[in-house]
N, C-alpha and C. Protein backbone atom coordinates (compact mmCIF):
# COMPACT_ATOMS: atom_id res chain seq x y z
N MET A 1 98.40 62.32 47.63
CA MET A 1 97.90 61.14 48.33
C MET A 1 96.57 61.48 49.01
N LYS A 2 95.56 60.66 48.78
CA LYS A 2 94.24 60.91 49.33
C LYS A 2 94.06 60.13 50.63
N THR A 3 93.42 60.80 51.59
CA THR A 3 93.12 60.12 52.85
C THR A 3 91.80 59.39 52.71
N LYS A 4 91.56 58.47 53.62
CA LYS A 4 90.28 57.74 53.59
C LYS A 4 89.11 58.71 53.74
N MET A 5 89.26 59.68 54.65
CA MET A 5 88.18 60.64 54.87
C MET A 5 87.98 61.50 53.62
N GLY A 6 89.07 61.94 53.04
CA GLY A 6 88.97 62.76 51.84
C GLY A 6 88.31 62.00 50.71
N GLN A 7 88.69 60.73 50.55
CA GLN A 7 88.08 59.90 49.51
C GLN A 7 86.59 59.70 49.77
N ALA A 8 86.21 59.49 51.02
CA ALA A 8 84.80 59.32 51.36
C ALA A 8 84.01 60.59 51.06
N LEU A 9 84.60 61.74 51.34
CA LEU A 9 83.93 63.02 51.04
C LEU A 9 83.75 63.20 49.53
N ILE A 10 84.78 62.86 48.77
CA ILE A 10 84.69 62.97 47.32
C ILE A 10 83.60 62.04 46.78
N GLU A 11 83.57 60.80 47.27
CA GLU A 11 82.53 59.86 46.84
C GLU A 11 81.14 60.36 47.20
N GLY A 12 81.01 60.93 48.38
CA GLY A 12 79.71 61.48 48.80
C GLY A 12 79.27 62.62 47.91
N LEU A 13 80.20 63.50 47.57
CA LEU A 13 79.87 64.62 46.69
C LEU A 13 79.52 64.13 45.29
N ASN A 14 80.23 63.12 44.82
CA ASN A 14 79.89 62.53 43.52
C ASN A 14 78.50 61.92 43.54
N ASP A 15 78.14 61.27 44.64
CA ASP A 15 76.78 60.72 44.79
C ASP A 15 75.73 61.83 44.72
N ILE A 16 76.00 62.95 45.35
CA ILE A 16 75.06 64.08 45.32
C ILE A 16 74.89 64.60 43.90
N VAL A 17 76.00 64.72 43.18
CA VAL A 17 75.93 65.20 41.78
C VAL A 17 75.10 64.23 40.95
N GLU A 18 75.35 62.93 41.10
CA GLU A 18 74.60 61.92 40.35
C GLU A 18 73.11 61.96 40.73
N TYR A 19 72.82 62.17 42.00
CA TYR A 19 71.42 62.27 42.46
C TYR A 19 70.75 63.49 41.83
N GLU A 20 71.43 64.61 41.86
CA GLU A 20 70.87 65.85 41.29
C GLU A 20 70.61 65.71 39.79
N LYS A 21 71.40 64.93 39.10
CA LYS A 21 71.21 64.70 37.67
C LYS A 21 70.13 63.66 37.40
N GLY A 22 69.62 63.05 38.47
CA GLY A 22 68.59 62.02 38.31
C GLY A 22 69.15 60.66 37.94
N LYS A 23 70.45 60.48 38.07
CA LYS A 23 71.09 59.23 37.70
C LYS A 23 71.26 58.26 38.86
N LYS A 24 70.95 58.72 40.05
CA LYS A 24 71.16 57.87 41.22
C LYS A 24 70.04 58.10 42.22
N LYS A 25 69.59 57.02 42.83
CA LYS A 25 68.62 57.10 43.91
C LYS A 25 69.38 56.96 45.22
N LEU A 26 69.04 57.78 46.18
CA LEU A 26 69.66 57.70 47.50
C LEU A 26 68.65 57.18 48.50
N ARG A 27 69.14 56.44 49.47
CA ARG A 27 68.26 55.96 50.54
C ARG A 27 67.89 57.13 51.44
N SER A 28 66.68 57.09 51.91
CA SER A 28 66.26 58.08 52.90
C SER A 28 65.28 57.43 53.85
N SER A 29 65.23 57.96 55.02
CA SER A 29 64.25 57.48 56.00
C SER A 29 63.80 58.68 56.83
N PHE A 30 62.62 58.56 57.33
CA PHE A 30 62.04 59.64 58.11
C PHE A 30 61.59 59.09 59.45
N MET A 31 61.70 59.95 60.44
CA MET A 31 61.29 59.56 61.78
C MET A 31 60.66 60.78 62.45
N ASP A 32 59.54 60.54 63.07
CA ASP A 32 58.94 61.63 63.83
C ASP A 32 59.73 61.81 65.12
N ILE A 33 60.17 63.01 65.35
CA ILE A 33 60.93 63.33 66.55
C ILE A 33 59.95 63.89 67.59
N PRO A 34 59.94 63.31 68.78
CA PRO A 34 59.02 63.84 69.79
C PRO A 34 59.44 65.24 70.22
N PRO A 35 58.50 66.00 70.74
CA PRO A 35 58.86 67.32 71.24
C PRO A 35 59.79 67.18 72.45
N PRO A 36 60.41 68.27 72.86
CA PRO A 36 61.29 68.18 74.04
C PRO A 36 60.54 67.60 75.24
N ALA A 37 61.29 66.94 76.09
CA ALA A 37 60.69 66.34 77.29
C ALA A 37 60.12 67.42 78.19
N PRO A 38 59.04 67.11 78.88
CA PRO A 38 58.50 68.09 79.81
C PRO A 38 59.47 68.32 80.97
N VAL A 39 59.41 69.49 81.53
CA VAL A 39 60.25 69.82 82.69
C VAL A 39 59.56 69.24 83.92
N TRP A 40 60.31 68.49 84.69
CA TRP A 40 59.76 67.85 85.89
C TRP A 40 60.00 68.74 87.11
N SER A 41 58.93 69.10 87.78
CA SER A 41 59.02 69.94 88.97
C SER A 41 59.44 69.09 90.16
N GLN A 42 59.84 69.78 91.21
CA GLN A 42 60.25 69.07 92.43
C GLN A 42 59.11 68.22 92.97
N LYS A 43 57.89 68.74 92.93
CA LYS A 43 56.74 67.98 93.46
C LYS A 43 56.44 66.75 92.62
N LYS A 44 56.55 66.88 91.30
CA LYS A 44 56.26 65.74 90.43
C LYS A 44 57.31 64.64 90.59
N ILE A 45 58.56 65.05 90.74
CA ILE A 45 59.63 64.07 90.93
C ILE A 45 59.43 63.32 92.24
N SER A 46 59.14 64.06 93.29
CA SER A 46 58.92 63.45 94.60
C SER A 46 57.71 62.51 94.57
N LYS A 47 56.65 62.94 93.92
CA LYS A 47 55.44 62.11 93.82
C LYS A 47 55.73 60.83 93.04
N LEU A 48 56.46 60.94 91.94
CA LEU A 48 56.81 59.76 91.15
C LEU A 48 57.61 58.78 92.00
N ARG A 49 58.61 59.30 92.69
CA ARG A 49 59.46 58.44 93.52
C ARG A 49 58.67 57.77 94.64
N LYS A 50 57.84 58.55 95.34
CA LYS A 50 57.12 58.03 96.52
C LYS A 50 55.91 57.18 96.16
N GLU A 51 55.11 57.63 95.18
CA GLU A 51 53.84 56.97 94.91
C GLU A 51 53.92 55.88 93.84
N VAL A 52 54.78 56.06 92.87
CA VAL A 52 54.87 55.06 91.81
C VAL A 52 55.91 53.99 92.16
N PHE A 53 57.11 54.45 92.53
CA PHE A 53 58.18 53.49 92.80
C PHE A 53 58.27 53.09 94.26
N LYS A 54 57.75 53.94 95.15
CA LYS A 54 57.75 53.65 96.59
C LYS A 54 59.16 53.31 97.10
N VAL A 55 60.11 54.19 96.75
CA VAL A 55 61.50 53.96 97.15
C VAL A 55 62.08 55.23 97.78
N SER A 56 63.20 55.03 98.45
CA SER A 56 63.91 56.16 99.05
C SER A 56 64.63 56.96 97.96
N GLN A 57 65.11 58.14 98.35
CA GLN A 57 65.89 58.95 97.42
C GLN A 57 67.15 58.20 96.96
N THR A 58 67.75 57.47 97.87
CA THR A 58 68.97 56.73 97.55
C THR A 58 68.70 55.65 96.51
N VAL A 59 67.62 54.92 96.69
CA VAL A 59 67.28 53.86 95.73
C VAL A 59 66.88 54.48 94.39
N PHE A 60 66.10 55.55 94.43
CA PHE A 60 65.69 56.23 93.20
C PHE A 60 66.92 56.74 92.44
N ALA A 61 67.87 57.28 93.17
CA ALA A 61 69.11 57.76 92.56
C ALA A 61 69.84 56.61 91.88
N ALA A 62 69.91 55.46 92.53
CA ALA A 62 70.57 54.30 91.93
C ALA A 62 69.84 53.86 90.66
N MET A 63 68.53 53.92 90.68
CA MET A 63 67.74 53.54 89.51
C MET A 63 68.06 54.45 88.32
N LEU A 64 68.27 55.72 88.59
CA LEU A 64 68.53 56.70 87.53
C LEU A 64 70.02 56.89 87.25
N SER A 65 70.85 56.19 87.99
CA SER A 65 72.32 56.32 87.85
C SER A 65 72.79 57.74 88.12
N VAL A 66 72.24 58.34 89.18
CA VAL A 66 72.68 59.65 89.64
C VAL A 66 72.99 59.55 91.13
N LYS A 67 73.58 60.59 91.68
CA LYS A 67 73.90 60.60 93.10
C LYS A 67 72.64 60.94 93.90
N PRO A 68 72.54 60.40 95.12
CA PRO A 68 71.40 60.76 95.97
C PRO A 68 71.27 62.27 96.18
N ALA A 69 72.40 62.96 96.22
CA ALA A 69 72.36 64.42 96.39
C ALA A 69 71.64 65.09 95.22
N THR A 70 71.73 64.49 94.05
CA THR A 70 71.04 65.03 92.88
C THR A 70 69.53 64.94 93.07
N ILE A 71 69.06 63.80 93.54
CA ILE A 71 67.62 63.63 93.78
C ILE A 71 67.16 64.61 94.85
N ARG A 72 67.94 64.73 95.93
CA ARG A 72 67.59 65.68 97.00
C ARG A 72 67.49 67.10 96.44
N ALA A 73 68.47 67.49 95.63
CA ALA A 73 68.47 68.85 95.07
C ALA A 73 67.26 69.06 94.16
N TRP A 74 66.90 68.05 93.37
CA TRP A 74 65.71 68.18 92.51
C TRP A 74 64.46 68.34 93.35
N GLU A 75 64.33 67.49 94.38
CA GLU A 75 63.11 67.50 95.19
C GLU A 75 63.02 68.74 96.08
N GLN A 76 64.14 69.34 96.40
CA GLN A 76 64.13 70.56 97.21
C GLN A 76 64.06 71.81 96.34
N GLY A 77 64.10 71.63 95.02
CA GLY A 77 64.03 72.77 94.12
C GLY A 77 65.33 73.55 94.01
N LEU A 78 66.43 72.96 94.48
CA LEU A 78 67.73 73.63 94.40
C LEU A 78 68.33 73.52 93.00
N LYS A 79 67.99 72.44 92.33
CA LYS A 79 68.45 72.20 90.96
C LYS A 79 67.30 71.60 90.17
N SER A 80 67.42 71.69 88.86
CA SER A 80 66.42 71.09 87.97
C SER A 80 67.09 70.03 87.13
N PRO A 81 66.36 68.98 86.77
CA PRO A 81 66.94 67.96 85.91
C PRO A 81 67.33 68.54 84.55
N SER A 82 68.39 67.99 83.97
CA SER A 82 68.81 68.39 82.62
C SER A 82 67.78 67.89 81.61
N GLY A 83 67.96 68.27 80.37
CA GLY A 83 67.06 67.80 79.32
C GLY A 83 67.03 66.28 79.23
N ALA A 84 68.22 65.67 79.28
CA ALA A 84 68.30 64.21 79.20
C ALA A 84 67.65 63.56 80.43
N ALA A 85 67.86 64.14 81.60
CA ALA A 85 67.24 63.61 82.81
C ALA A 85 65.73 63.75 82.75
N ASN A 86 65.24 64.89 82.23
CA ASN A 86 63.80 65.06 82.07
C ASN A 86 63.22 63.98 81.15
N ARG A 87 63.95 63.66 80.06
CA ARG A 87 63.47 62.62 79.14
C ARG A 87 63.46 61.27 79.84
N LEU A 88 64.51 60.96 80.60
CA LEU A 88 64.57 59.69 81.32
C LEU A 88 63.42 59.59 82.32
N ILE A 89 63.17 60.66 83.06
CA ILE A 89 62.07 60.65 84.03
C ILE A 89 60.74 60.47 83.30
N GLN A 90 60.59 61.11 82.15
CA GLN A 90 59.37 60.95 81.36
C GLN A 90 59.19 59.48 80.95
N ILE A 91 60.26 58.87 80.50
CA ILE A 91 60.18 57.47 80.06
C ILE A 91 59.79 56.56 81.21
N ILE A 92 60.43 56.73 82.37
CA ILE A 92 60.09 55.84 83.49
C ILE A 92 58.71 56.12 84.05
N SER A 93 58.22 57.35 83.87
CA SER A 93 56.86 57.63 84.33
C SER A 93 55.83 56.97 83.42
N ILE A 94 56.17 56.84 82.13
CA ILE A 94 55.28 56.18 81.18
C ILE A 94 55.33 54.67 81.34
N SER A 95 56.52 54.15 81.59
CA SER A 95 56.71 52.71 81.68
C SER A 95 57.59 52.36 82.89
N PRO A 96 56.99 52.39 84.08
CA PRO A 96 57.78 52.12 85.28
C PRO A 96 58.43 50.73 85.30
N ASP A 97 57.84 49.78 84.59
CA ASP A 97 58.41 48.43 84.59
C ASP A 97 59.70 48.31 83.78
N ILE A 98 60.13 49.39 83.18
CA ILE A 98 61.37 49.38 82.41
C ILE A 98 62.55 48.96 83.29
N PHE A 99 62.51 49.31 84.58
CA PHE A 99 63.60 48.93 85.47
C PHE A 99 63.64 47.42 85.69
N LYS A 100 62.47 46.78 85.71
CA LYS A 100 62.44 45.32 85.83
C LYS A 100 63.08 44.69 84.59
N LYS A 101 62.78 45.25 83.42
CA LYS A 101 63.36 44.73 82.18
C LYS A 101 64.87 44.93 82.18
N LEU A 102 65.33 46.09 82.63
CA LEU A 102 66.77 46.34 82.69
C LEU A 102 67.46 45.38 83.65
N ALA A 103 66.80 45.09 84.76
CA ALA A 103 67.38 44.16 85.74
C ALA A 103 67.49 42.76 85.13
N LEU A 104 66.47 42.33 84.39
CA LEU A 104 66.51 41.02 83.75
C LEU A 104 67.61 40.95 82.70
N ILE A 105 67.78 42.02 81.96
CA ILE A 105 68.84 42.05 80.94
C ILE A 105 70.21 41.91 81.60
N SER A 106 70.40 42.62 82.72
CA SER A 106 71.71 42.57 83.38
C SER A 106 71.96 41.19 84.00
N ILE A 107 70.90 40.53 84.45
CA ILE A 107 71.04 39.19 85.04
C ILE A 107 71.39 38.18 83.95
N ARG A 108 70.73 38.32 82.81
CA ARG A 108 70.96 37.38 81.70
C ARG A 108 72.27 37.61 80.98
N GLY A 109 72.79 38.85 81.13
CA GLY A 109 74.07 39.18 80.51
C GLY A 109 73.85 39.53 79.11
């Protein structure tokens, strides 16, 4: 008895064999992947929060969906943002109005 997963694997392998023989075309797509996000220093994070967003640590934390203690730790140099947090900070630094768009989406449902 064949499982759904096993059958899908067999079909995929058959597709590869047909492709290698030149009997089948497979879909492909390419995407440029950006380099890793820059590491945000405590000074840069603090400057972004104070000068661009003009908000408290508590409000900035809410914007990023993290705890205020996390923002404090970043700004005091006790901790560094993770890779995903660095990417998020990069995105909001490029497009600060993204939070306005997110707020509108949540209001509209």
